[in-house]
Amino acid sequence: MDIGPPQSDTLRRPPWRLRLFDLWTDPLAIQPVNELHPDLVKKYTAFLEQQWKDHQALATRFKPGTPVVR
């Protein structure tokens, strides 16, 4: 099973959107607080997108190994 976007996704971007929750007042993470904290959404989205790019660049250094026969 592959993790991340499908191979047909040429941009190789994650298909999900950042959702923030206030776990002190909403411990079950039912109600996102994105609209209350747009600055945090922007900050963390930028951070996670940079992490995604860095991981994609790192992934190009590895080649598939030989299949494991069970």
Protein backbone atom coordinates (compact mmCIF):
# COMPACT_ATOMS: atom_id res chain seq x y z
CA MET A 1 0.00 0.00 0.00
CA ASP A 2 1.35 3.41 -0.95
CA ILE A 3 1.15 6.36 1.41
CA GLY A 4 0.35 9.80 0.05
CA PRO A 5 -1.21 10.96 -3.19
CA PRO A 6 -1.74 8.54 -6.07
CA GLN A 7 1.07 8.13 -8.58
CA SER A 8 -1.10 9.89 -11.18
CA ASP A 9 -0.84 13.10 -9.11
CA THR A 10 1.92 14.90 -10.98
CA LEU A 11 2.13 17.68 -8.40
CA ARG A 12 2.70 15.10 -5.66
CA ARG A 13 0.80 17.27 -3.19
CA PRO A 14 -1.01 15.89 -0.21
CA PRO A 15 -4.75 15.76 -0.89
CA TRP A 16 -5.72 16.81 2.61
CA ARG A 17 -6.35 20.20 4.20
CA LEU A 18 -5.03 21.29 7.57
CA ARG A 19 -7.64 21.28 10.33
CA LEU A 20 -6.99 22.81 13.75
CA PHE A 21 -8.78 21.75 16.91
CA ASP A 22 -8.82 23.12 20.44
CA LEU A 23 -8.32 19.90 22.36
CA TRP A 24 -8.77 21.59 25.75
CA THR A 25 -12.36 22.52 25.01
CA ASP A 26 -13.06 19.87 22.36
CA PRO A 27 -11.09 16.73 23.36
CA LEU A 28 -12.86 14.60 20.74
CA ALA A 29 -11.76 16.99 17.95
CA ILE A 30 -15.27 17.48 16.60
CA GLN A 31 -15.31 21.21 15.81
CA PRO A 32 -12.37 22.68 13.85
CA VAL A 33 -11.23 26.17 14.86
CA ASN A 34 -9.68 27.17 11.53
CA GLU A 35 -11.88 30.23 11.14
CA LEU A 36 -10.88 31.50 14.59
CA HIS A 37 -7.14 31.17 13.90
CA PRO A 38 -6.38 31.88 10.21
CA ASP A 39 -2.86 33.00 11.11
CA LEU A 40 -2.07 29.60 12.63
CA VAL A 41 -3.62 27.80 9.67
CA LYS A 42 -1.37 29.76 7.32
CA LYS A 43 1.73 29.21 9.49
CA TYR A 44 1.26 25.47 9.96
CA THR A 45 0.17 24.88 6.37
CA ALA A 46 3.37 26.52 5.12
CA PHE A 47 5.44 24.45 7.55
CA LEU A 48 3.79 21.17 6.56
CA GLU A 49 4.04 21.92 2.83
CA GLN A 50 7.79 22.56 3.25
CA GLN A 51 8.13 19.29 5.14
CA TRP A 52 6.26 17.53 2.33
CA LYS A 53 8.64 18.99 -0.28
CA ASP A 54 11.67 18.01 1.78
CA HIS A 55 10.41 14.44 2.16
CA GLN A 56 9.63 14.17 -1.54
CA ALA A 57 13.17 15.35 -2.35
CA LEU A 58 14.61 12.83 0.11
CA ALA A 59 12.52 10.04 -1.41
CA THR A 60 14.27 10.50 -4.78
CA ARG A 61 17.51 9.28 -3.17
CA PHE A 62 16.10 5.81 -2.55
CA LYS A 63 15.47 3.08 -5.09
CA PRO A 64 13.08 0.16 -4.67
CA GLY A 65 14.67 -2.92 -3.16
CA THR A 66 14.20 -6.49 -4.22
CA PRO A 67 10.76 -7.95 -3.52
CA VAL A 68 10.37 -10.03 -0.38
CA VAL A 69 9.00 -13.51 -0.95
CA ARG A 70 7.03 -14.95 1.96
